Amino acid sequence: MTEEVEEQGFEHLEDVGWDYEDNRHFYRVFRDAQCRTQASICLSEQNDMAFYYLTITSRTPDGRILMTWIILSPMA
């Protein structure tokens, strides 16, 4: 999925994650500076369930922030 995001013109910035009790979270963060847009590939594991999703966040010239996301797949 990283390659697909980069093919759309996004630059990989960093990977971040944290664990809390039975929860694990991982984010791979990208940006497209020209379009003022960030994308993140996110993985969330909670107990015996996991899912991943993609977020897109844009900033308009007047300072508004627009965000959307799509859950890509539950994982067993």
PDB file of N, CA and C in Angstrom:
ATOM      1  N   MET A   1       0.812  -1.185   0.000  1.00  0.00           N
ATOM      2  CA  MET A   1       0.000   0.000   0.000  1.00  0.00           C
ATOM      3  C   MET A   1       0.868   1.267   0.000  1.00  0.00           C
ATOM      4  N   THR A   2       2.038   1.186   0.628  1.00  0.00           N
ATOM      5  CA  THR A   2       2.947   2.331   0.641  1.00  0.00           C
ATOM      6  C   THR A   2       3.293   2.769  -0.778  1.00  0.00           C
ATOM      7  N   GLU A   3       3.602   1.813  -1.626  1.00  0.00           N
ATOM      8  CA  GLU A   3       3.944   2.135  -3.011  1.00  0.00           C
ATOM      9  C   GLU A   3       2.791   2.834  -3.719  1.00  0.00           C
ATOM     10  N   GLU A   4       1.567   2.389  -3.479  1.00  0.00           N
ATOM     11  CA  GLU A   4       0.410   2.999  -4.128  1.00  0.00           C
ATOM     12  C   GLU A   4       0.252   4.457  -3.699  1.00  0.00           C
ATOM     13  N   VAL A   5       0.456   4.745  -2.428  1.00  0.00           N
ATOM     14  CA  VAL A   5       0.341   6.127  -1.937  1.00  0.00           C
ATOM     15  C   VAL A   5       1.456   6.977  -2.548  1.00  0.00           C
ATOM     16  N   GLU A   6       2.675   6.452  -2.583  1.00  0.00           N
ATOM     17  CA  GLU A   6       3.795   7.203  -3.153  1.00  0.00           C
ATOM     18  C   GLU A   6       3.607   7.433  -4.652  1.00  0.00           C
ATOM     19  N   GLU A   7       3.005   6.490  -5.350  1.00  0.00           N
ATOM     20  CA  GLU A   7       2.736   6.669  -6.780  1.00  0.00           C
ATOM     21  C   GLU A   7       1.766   7.815  -7.033  1.00  0.00           C
ATOM     22  N   GLN A   8       0.987   8.191  -6.048  1.00  0.00           N
ATOM     23  CA  GLN A   8       0.054   9.306  -6.182  1.00  0.00           C
ATOM     24  C   GLN A   8       0.707  10.655  -5.851  1.00  0.00           C
ATOM     25  N   GLY A   9       2.019  10.644  -5.613  1.00  0.00           N
ATOM     26  CA  GLY A   9       2.754  11.882  -5.391  1.00  0.00           C
ATOM     27  C   GLY A   9       3.020  12.225  -3.941  1.00  0.00           C
ATOM     28  N   PHE A  10       2.718  11.321  -3.025  1.00  0.00           N
ATOM     29  CA  PHE A  10       2.951  11.573  -1.608  1.00  0.00           C
ATOM     30  C   PHE A  10       4.367  11.151  -1.218  1.00  0.00           C
ATOM     31  N   GLU A  11       4.965  11.902  -0.290  1.00  0.00           N
ATOM     32  CA  GLU A  11       6.289  11.621   0.242  1.00  0.00           C
ATOM     33  C   GLU A  11       6.138  10.998   1.628  1.00  0.00           C
ATOM     34  N   HIS A  12       6.833   9.885   1.885  1.00  0.00           N
ATOM     35  CA  HIS A  12       6.789   9.224   3.188  1.00  0.00           C
ATOM     36  C   HIS A  12       7.538  10.085   4.193  1.00  0.00           C
ATOM     37  N   LEU A  13       6.862  10.479   5.285  1.00  0.00           N
ATOM     38  CA  LEU A  13       7.485  11.310   6.316  1.00  0.00           C
ATOM     39  C   LEU A  13       8.046  10.483   7.453  1.00  0.00           C
ATOM     40  N   GLU A  14       7.192   9.657   8.074  1.00  0.00           N
ATOM     41  CA  GLU A  14       7.649   8.862   9.208  1.00  0.00           C
ATOM     42  C   GLU A  14       6.622   7.804   9.569  1.00  0.00           C
ATOM     43  N   ASP A  15       7.074   6.870  10.400  1.00  0.00           N
ATOM     44  CA  ASP A  15       6.217   5.838  10.977  1.00  0.00           C
ATOM     45  C   ASP A  15       6.129   6.108  12.473  1.00  0.00           C
ATOM     46  N   VAL A  16       4.933   6.029  13.002  1.00  0.00           N
ATOM     47  CA  VAL A  16       4.738   6.202  14.437  1.00  0.00           C
ATOM     48  C   VAL A  16       3.815   5.110  14.943  1.00  0.00           C
ATOM     49  N   GLY A  17       3.917   4.800  16.219  1.00  0.00           N
ATOM     50  CA  GLY A  17       3.054   3.783  16.797  1.00  0.00           C
ATOM     51  C   GLY A  17       3.125   3.814  18.303  1.00  0.00           C
ATOM     52  N   TRP A  18       2.164   3.162  18.907  1.00  0.00           N
ATOM     53  CA  TRP A  18       2.151   3.048  20.357  1.00  0.00           C
ATOM     54  C   TRP A  18       1.323   1.835  20.761  1.00  0.00           C
ATOM     55  N   ASP A  19       1.650   1.311  21.924  1.00  0.00           N
ATOM     56  CA  ASP A  19       0.928   0.183  22.520  1.00  0.00           C
ATOM     57  C   ASP A  19       0.327   0.646  23.834  1.00  0.00           C
ATOM     58  N   TYR A  20      -0.870   0.164  24.110  1.00  0.00           N
ATOM     59  CA  TYR A  20      -1.531   0.472  25.368  1.00  0.00           C
ATOM     60  C   TYR A  20      -2.353  -0.740  25.767  1.00  0.00           C
ATOM     61  N   GLU A  21      -1.957  -1.392  26.831  1.00  0.00           N
ATOM     62  CA  GLU A  21      -2.610  -2.624  27.292  1.00  0.00           C
ATOM     63  C   GLU A  21      -2.753  -3.583  26.119  1.00  0.00           C
ATOM     64  N   ASP A  22      -3.972  -3.951  25.718  1.00  0.00           N
ATOM     65  CA  ASP A  22      -4.187  -4.901  24.625  1.00  0.00           C
ATOM     66  C   ASP A  22      -4.389  -4.210  23.272  1.00  0.00           C
ATOM     67  N   ASN A  23      -4.029  -2.950  23.172  1.00  0.00           N
ATOM     68  CA  ASN A  23      -4.216  -2.184  21.937  1.00  0.00           C
ATOM     69  C   ASN A  23      -2.861  -1.815  21.344  1.00  0.00           C
ATOM     70  N   ARG A  24      -2.751  -1.968  20.024  1.00  0.00           N
ATOM     71  CA  ARG A  24      -1.557  -1.541  19.294  1.00  0.00           C
ATOM     72  C   ARG A  24      -1.996  -0.673  18.135  1.00  0.00           C
ATOM     73  N   HIS A  25      -1.275   0.419  17.907  1.00  0.00           N
ATOM     74  CA  HIS A  25      -1.602   1.341  16.818  1.00  0.00           C
ATOM     75  C   HIS A  25      -0.337   1.668  16.043  1.00  0.00           C
ATOM     76  N   PHE A  26      -0.450   1.699  14.718  1.00  0.00           N
ATOM     77  CA  PHE A  26       0.667   2.027  13.844  1.00  0.00           C
ATOM     78  C   PHE A  26       0.163   2.972  12.762  1.00  0.00           C
ATOM     79  N   TYR A  27       0.921   4.038  12.511  1.00  0.00           N
ATOM     80  CA  TYR A  27       0.590   5.001  11.457  1.00  0.00           C
ATOM     81  C   TYR A  27       1.812   5.216  10.580  1.00  0.00           C
ATOM     82  N   ARG A  28       1.626   5.150   9.279  1.00  0.00           N
ATOM     83  CA  ARG A  28       2.656   5.531   8.307  1.00  0.00           C
ATOM     84  C   ARG A  28       2.146   6.829   7.672  1.00  0.00           C
ATOM     85  N   VAL A  29       2.895   7.911   7.877  1.00  0.00           N
ATOM     86  CA  VAL A  29       2.429   9.254   7.519  1.00  0.00           C
ATOM     87  C   VAL A  29       3.140   9.745   6.250  1.00  0.00           C
ATOM     88  N   PHE A  30       2.351  10.316   5.336  1.00  0.00           N
ATOM     89  CA  PHE A  30       2.834  10.855   4.060  1.00  0.00           C
ATOM     90  C   PHE A  30       2.327  12.289   3.904  1.00  0.00           C
ATOM     91  N   ARG A  31       2.951  13.028   2.980  1.00  0.00           N
ATOM     92  CA  ARG A  31       2.427  14.351   2.645  1.00  0.00           C
ATOM     93  C   ARG A  31       2.672  14.661   1.185  1.00  0.00           C
ATOM     94  N   ASP A  32       1.819  15.523   0.677  1.00  0.00           N
ATOM     95  CA  ASP A  32       1.978  16.125  -0.636  1.00  0.00           C
ATOM     96  C   ASP A  32       1.959  17.629  -0.388  1.00  0.00           C
ATOM     97  N   ALA A  33       3.146  18.227  -0.281  1.00  0.00           N
ATOM     98  CA  ALA A  33       3.259  19.637   0.092  1.00  0.00           C
ATOM     99  C   ALA A  33       2.579  20.552  -0.923  1.00  0.00           C
ATOM    100  N   GLN A  34       2.671  20.217  -2.192  1.00  0.00           N
ATOM    101  CA  GLN A  34       2.086  21.053  -3.230  1.00  0.00           C
ATOM    102  C   GLN A  34       0.559  21.138  -3.085  1.00  0.00           C
ATOM    103  N   CYS A  35      -0.071  20.028  -2.732  1.00  0.00           N
ATOM    104  CA  CYS A  35      -1.534  19.988  -2.592  1.00  0.00           C
ATOM    105  C   CYS A  35      -1.998  20.262  -1.165  1.00  0.00           C
ATOM    106  N   ARG A  36      -1.049  20.478  -0.230  1.00  0.00           N
ATOM    107  CA  ARG A  36      -1.384  20.721   1.168  1.00  0.00           C
ATOM    108  C   ARG A  36      -2.212  19.564   1.737  1.00  0.00           C
ATOM    109  N   THR A  37      -1.755  18.332   1.462  1.00  0.00           N
ATOM    110  CA  THR A  37      -2.511  17.147   1.836  1.00  0.00           C
ATOM    111  C   THR A  37      -1.607  16.141   2.545  1.00  0.00           C
ATOM    112  N   GLN A  38      -2.165  15.494   3.562  1.00  0.00           N
ATOM    113  CA  GLN A  38      -1.491  14.401   4.253  1.00  0.00           C
ATOM    114  C   GLN A  38      -2.295  13.125   4.038  1.00  0.00           C
ATOM    115  N   ALA A  39      -1.591  12.000   4.007  1.00  0.00           N
ATOM    116  CA  ALA A  39      -2.236  10.690   3.965  1.00  0.00           C
ATOM    117  C   ALA A  39      -1.583   9.825   5.033  1.00  0.00           C
ATOM    118  N   SER A  40      -2.375   8.952   5.643  1.00  0.00           N
ATOM    119  CA  SER A  40      -1.836   8.033   6.648  1.00  0.00           C
ATOM    120  C   SER A  40      -2.429   6.654   6.423  1.00  0.00           C
ATOM    121  N   ILE A  41      -1.549   5.652   6.453  1.00  0.00           N
ATOM    122  CA  ILE A  41      -1.980   4.266   6.489  1.00  0.00           C
ATOM    123  C   ILE A  41      -1.978   3.880   7.961  1.00  0.00           C
ATOM    124  N   CYS A  42      -3.093   3.393   8.453  1.00  0.00           N
ATOM    125  CA  CYS A  42      -3.249   3.158   9.888  1.00  0.00           C
ATOM    126  C   CYS A  42      -3.629   1.705  10.152  1.00  0.00           C
ATOM    127  N   LEU A  43      -3.017   1.126  11.167  1.00  0.00           N
ATOM    128  CA  LEU A  43      -3.337  -0.234  11.609  1.00  0.00           C
ATOM    129  C   LEU A  43      -3.704  -0.168  13.077  1.00  0.00           C
ATOM    130  N   SER A  44      -4.828  -0.756  13.411  1.00  0.00           N
ATOM    131  CA  SER A  44      -5.286  -0.802  14.798  1.00  0.00           C
ATOM    132  C   SER A  44      -5.546  -2.256  15.175  1.00  0.00           C
ATOM    133  N   GLU A  45      -4.898  -2.696  16.241  1.00  0.00           N
ATOM    134  CA  GLU A  45      -5.109  -4.042  16.760  1.00  0.00           C
ATOM    135  C   GLU A  45      -5.649  -3.917  18.177  1.00  0.00           C
ATOM    136  N   GLN A  46      -6.788  -4.556  18.422  1.00  0.00           N
ATOM    137  CA  GLN A  46      -7.430  -4.514  19.735  1.00  0.00           C
ATOM    138  C   GLN A  46      -7.828  -5.924  20.118  1.00  0.00           C
ATOM    139  N   ASN A  47      -7.172  -6.448  21.171  1.00  0.00           N
ATOM    140  CA  ASN A  47      -7.399  -7.823  21.597  1.00  0.00           C
ATOM    141  C   ASN A  47      -7.168  -8.761  20.417  1.00  0.00           C
ATOM    142  N   ASP A  48      -8.194  -9.485  19.977  1.00  0.00           N
ATOM    143  CA  ASP A  48      -8.053 -10.443  18.876  1.00  0.00           C
ATOM    144  C   ASP A  48      -8.546  -9.895  17.543  1.00  0.00           C
ATOM    145  N   MET A  49      -8.816  -8.606  17.457  1.00  0.00           N
ATOM    146  CA  MET A  49      -9.340  -8.010  16.229  1.00  0.00           C
ATOM    147  C   MET A  49      -8.357  -6.968  15.711  1.00  0.00           C
ATOM    148  N   ALA A  50      -8.245  -6.859  14.389  1.00  0.00           N
ATOM    149  CA  ALA A  50      -7.392  -5.842  13.777  1.00  0.00           C
ATOM    150  C   ALA A  50      -8.063  -5.329  12.509  1.00  0.00           C
ATOM    151  N   PHE A  51      -7.813  -4.065  12.187  1.00  0.00           N
ATOM    152  CA  PHE A  51      -8.286  -3.500  10.927  1.00  0.00           C
ATOM    153  C   PHE A  51      -7.318  -2.408  10.505  1.00  0.00           C
ATOM    154  N   TYR A  52      -7.325  -2.096   9.211  1.00  0.00           N
ATOM    155  CA  TYR A  52      -6.497  -0.997   8.742  1.00  0.00           C
ATOM    156  C   TYR A  52      -7.333  -0.076   7.883  1.00  0.00           C
ATOM    157  N   TYR A  53      -6.896   1.171   7.843  1.00  0.00           N
ATOM    158  CA  TYR A  53      -7.641   2.188   7.117  1.00  0.00           C
ATOM    159  C   TYR A  53      -6.693   3.254   6.601  1.00  0.00           C
ATOM    160  N   LEU A  54      -7.180   4.061   5.687  1.00  0.00           N
ATOM    161  CA  LEU A  54      -6.423   5.138   5.081  1.00  0.00           C
ATOM    162  C   LEU A  54      -7.126   6.451   5.403  1.00  0.00           C
ATOM    163  N   THR A  55      -6.364   7.446   5.837  1.00  0.00           N
ATOM    164  CA  THR A  55      -6.929   8.775   6.058  1.00  0.00           C
ATOM    165  C   THR A  55      -6.301   9.754   5.073  1.00  0.00           C
ATOM    166  N   ILE A  56      -7.092  10.732   4.654  1.00  0.00           N
ATOM    167  CA  ILE A  56      -6.617  11.827   3.811  1.00  0.00           C
ATOM    168  C   ILE A  56      -7.062  13.122   4.493  1.00  0.00           C
ATOM    169  N   THR A  57      -6.105  14.023   4.730  1.00  0.00           N
ATOM    170  CA  THR A  57      -6.395  15.304   5.369  1.00  0.00           C
ATOM    171  C   THR A  57      -5.863  16.413   4.479  1.00  0.00           C
ATOM    172  N   SER A  58      -6.729  17.384   4.142  1.00  0.00           N
ATOM    173  CA  SER A  58      -6.347  18.516   3.303  1.00  0.00           C
ATOM    174  C   SER A  58      -6.578  19.817   4.052  1.00  0.00           C
ATOM    175  N   ARG A  59      -5.767  20.797   3.736  1.00  0.00           N
ATOM    176  CA  ARG A  59      -5.915  22.126   4.311  1.00  0.00           C
ATOM    177  C   ARG A  59      -6.207  23.100   3.185  1.00  0.00           C
ATOM    178  N   THR A  60      -7.279  23.847   3.316  1.00  0.00           N
ATOM    179  CA  THR A  60      -7.655  24.820   2.300  1.00  0.00           C
ATOM    180  C   THR A  60      -6.847  26.108   2.513  1.00  0.00           C
ATOM    181  N   PRO A  61      -6.732  26.939   1.485  1.00  0.00           N
ATOM    182  CA  PRO A  61      -5.976  28.193   1.633  1.00  0.00           C
ATOM    183  C   PRO A  61      -6.509  29.101   2.750  1.00  0.00           C
ATOM    184  N   ASP A  62      -7.799  28.983   3.078  1.00  0.00           N
ATOM    185  CA  ASP A  62      -8.348  29.840   4.145  1.00  0.00           C
ATOM    186  C   ASP A  62      -8.269  29.176   5.527  1.00  0.00           C
ATOM    187  N   GLY A  63      -7.540  28.036   5.634  1.00  0.00           N
ATOM    188  CA  GLY A  63      -7.274  27.441   6.930  1.00  0.00           C
ATOM    189  C   GLY A  63      -8.208  26.316   7.365  1.00  0.00           C
ATOM    190  N   ARG A  64      -9.235  26.011   6.590  1.00  0.00           N
ATOM    191  CA  ARG A  64     -10.119  24.901   6.964  1.00  0.00           C
ATOM    192  C   ARG A  64      -9.399  23.570   6.758  1.00  0.00           C
ATOM    193  N   ILE A  65      -9.768  22.585   7.565  1.00  0.00           N
ATOM    194  CA  ILE A  65      -9.194  21.249   7.468  1.00  0.00           C
ATOM    195  C   ILE A  65     -10.296  20.282   7.067  1.00  0.00           C
ATOM    196  N   LEU A  66     -10.038  19.513   6.024  1.00  0.00           N
ATOM    197  CA  LEU A  66     -10.995  18.528   5.521  1.00  0.00           C
ATOM    198  C   LEU A  66     -10.355  17.149   5.684  1.00  0.00           C
ATOM    199  N   MET A  67     -11.124  16.205   6.234  1.00  0.00           N
ATOM    200  CA  MET A  67     -10.580  14.862   6.473  1.00  0.00           C
ATOM    201  C   MET A  67     -11.594  13.799   6.069  1.00  0.00           C
ATOM    202  N   THR A  68     -11.084  12.729   5.493  1.00  0.00           N
ATOM    203  CA  THR A  68     -11.923  11.579   5.189  1.00  0.00           C
ATOM    204  C   THR A  68     -11.100  10.323   5.424  1.00  0.00           C
ATOM    205  N   TRP A  69     -11.769   9.204   5.509  1.00  0.00           N
ATOM    206  CA  TRP A  69     -11.080   7.941   5.730  1.00  0.00           C
ATOM    207  C   TRP A  69     -11.901   6.818   5.128  1.00  0.00           C
ATOM    208  N   ILE A  70     -11.219   5.703   4.915  1.00  0.00           N
ATOM    209  CA  ILE A  70     -11.889   4.503   4.427  1.00  0.00           C
ATOM    210  C   ILE A  70     -11.264   3.293   5.139  1.00  0.00           C
ATOM    211  N   ILE A  71     -12.122   2.448   5.694  1.00  0.00           N
ATOM    212  CA  ILE A  71     -11.651   1.201   6.283  1.00  0.00           C
ATOM    213  C   ILE A  71     -11.430   0.238   5.141  1.00  0.00           C
ATOM    214  N   LEU A  72     -10.224  -0.282   5.036  1.00  0.00           N
ATOM    215  CA  LEU A  72      -9.865  -1.104   3.895  1.00  0.00           C
ATOM    216  C   LEU A  72     -10.159  -2.566   4.092  1.00  0.00           C
ATOM    217  N   SER A  73      -9.954  -3.081   5.304  1.00  0.00           N
ATOM    218  CA  SER A  73     -10.195  -4.508   5.496  1.00  0.00           C
ATOM    219  C   SER A  73     -10.112  -4.866   6.963  1.00  0.00           C
ATOM    220  N   PRO A  74     -11.073  -5.643   7.456  1.00  0.00           N
ATOM    221  CA  PRO A  74     -10.867  -6.239   8.781  1.00  0.00           C
ATOM    222  C   PRO A  74      -9.877  -7.380   8.623  1.00  0.00           C
ATOM    223  N   MET A  75      -9.095  -7.609   9.646  1.00  0.00           N
ATOM    224  CA  MET A  75      -8.113  -8.690   9.613  1.00  0.00           C
ATOM    225  C   MET A  75      -8.423  -9.667  10.722  1.00  0.00           C
ATOM    226  N   ALA A  76      -8.329 -10.963  10.441  1.00  0.00           N
ATOM    227  CA  ALA A  76      -8.609 -11.974  11.457  1.00  0.00           C
ATOM    228  C   ALA A  76      -7.364 -12.302  12.239  1.00  0.00           C
TER     229      ALA A  76
END
